[in-house]
Protein backbone atom coordinates (compact mmCIF):
# COMPACT_ATOMS: atom_id res chain seq x y z
CA MET A 1 0.00 0.00 0.00
CA VAL A 2 1.16 3.50 -0.78
CA ALA A 3 0.41 6.19 1.79
CA LYS A 4 0.84 9.94 1.64
CA VAL A 5 0.49 12.20 4.65
CA ILE A 6 -1.16 15.51 3.86
CA SER A 7 -0.99 18.06 6.64
CA SER A 8 -0.72 16.24 9.89
CA LYS A 9 -4.36 15.30 10.11
CA ILE A 10 -5.26 13.67 6.77
CA LYS A 11 -3.75 10.46 5.50
CA VAL A 12 -4.40 9.29 1.94
CA ILE A 13 -4.08 5.57 1.36
CA LYS A 14 -4.09 4.15 -2.15
CA LYS A 15 -4.76 0.48 -2.77
CA PRO A 16 -2.59 -1.49 -5.17
CA GLN A 17 -4.12 -1.85 -8.63
CA SER A 18 -4.82 -5.58 -8.14
CA GLU A 19 -7.06 -4.89 -5.11
CA VAL A 20 -8.97 -2.17 -6.96
CA SER A 21 -9.77 -4.38 -9.94
CA THR A 22 -11.14 -7.25 -7.81
CA ALA A 23 -13.32 -4.92 -5.78
CA GLN A 24 -14.94 -3.58 -8.95
CA THR A 25 -15.93 -7.03 -10.25
CA GLU A 26 -18.15 -7.84 -7.25
CA PRO A 27 -21.15 -5.49 -7.18
CA LYS A 28 -22.86 -5.09 -3.81
CA ALA A 29 -26.54 -4.78 -3.14
CA PRO A 30 -27.62 -1.13 -2.78
CA LYS A 31 -28.79 -1.63 0.81
CA GLU A 32 -25.49 -3.25 1.74
CA SER A 33 -23.53 -0.36 0.22
CA VAL A 34 -25.62 2.21 2.07
CA ARG A 35 -25.28 0.28 5.32
CA GLU A 36 -21.50 0.16 4.88
CA MET A 37 -21.31 3.90 4.18
CA VAL A 38 -23.45 4.72 7.22
CA ALA A 39 -21.28 2.51 9.43
CA THR A 40 -18.11 4.18 8.13
CA VAL A 41 -19.41 7.71 8.66
CA SER A 42 -20.73 6.78 12.11
CA GLN A 43 -17.29 5.48 13.03
CA TRP A 44 -15.67 8.72 11.80
CA VAL A 45 -18.09 10.79 13.89
CA SER A 46 -17.41 8.67 16.97
CA GLU A 47 -13.66 9.01 16.53
CA PHE A 48 -13.96 12.78 16.04
CA GLN A 49 -16.11 13.16 19.16
CA GLN A 50 -13.72 11.04 21.23
CA LYS A 51 -10.71 13.12 20.13
CA ARG A 52 -12.62 16.31 20.89
CA ARG A 53 -13.52 15.09 24.40
CA GLU A 54 -9.91 14.14 25.11
CA GLU A 55 -8.67 17.50 23.87
CA THR A 56 -11.24 19.40 25.93
CA SER A 57 -10.36 17.41 29.02
CA ARG A 58 -6.65 18.07 28.52
CA VAL A 59 -7.22 21.82 28.06
CA LEU A 60 -9.45 22.09 31.12
CA LYS A 61 -6.87 20.27 33.23
CA SER A 62 -4.15 22.63 32.05
CA LEU A 63 -6.27 25.71 32.81
CA MET A 64 -7.40 24.64 36.26
CA PRO A 65 -4.73 24.64 38.96
CA GLU A 66 -4.04 21.42 40.82
CA PRO A 67 -5.44 21.41 44.36
CA SER A 68 -2.55 22.01 46.73
CA THR A 69 -2.01 20.40 50.08
CA GLN A 70 -1.67 23.82 51.76
CA THR A 71 -4.79 25.69 52.72
CA SER A 72 -4.82 29.44 52.48
CA GLU A 73 -6.22 31.29 55.46
CA ALA A 74 -7.35 34.88 55.02
């Protein structure tokens, strides 16, 4: 497989010509194709949301000071 990294976020993967030709000879049922596309997009959305949650959590932790063992008395 040949892979090119564009930016640091997008990765383009090209299949070898032999894999492409075999995939084209086997047509899928329309419902199966739609189901596969929906599953793929759903997976992308889940991954995006998970990364966003992790990033938000990391930022909030960096903005909020750690609780110290000393108590301040005014």
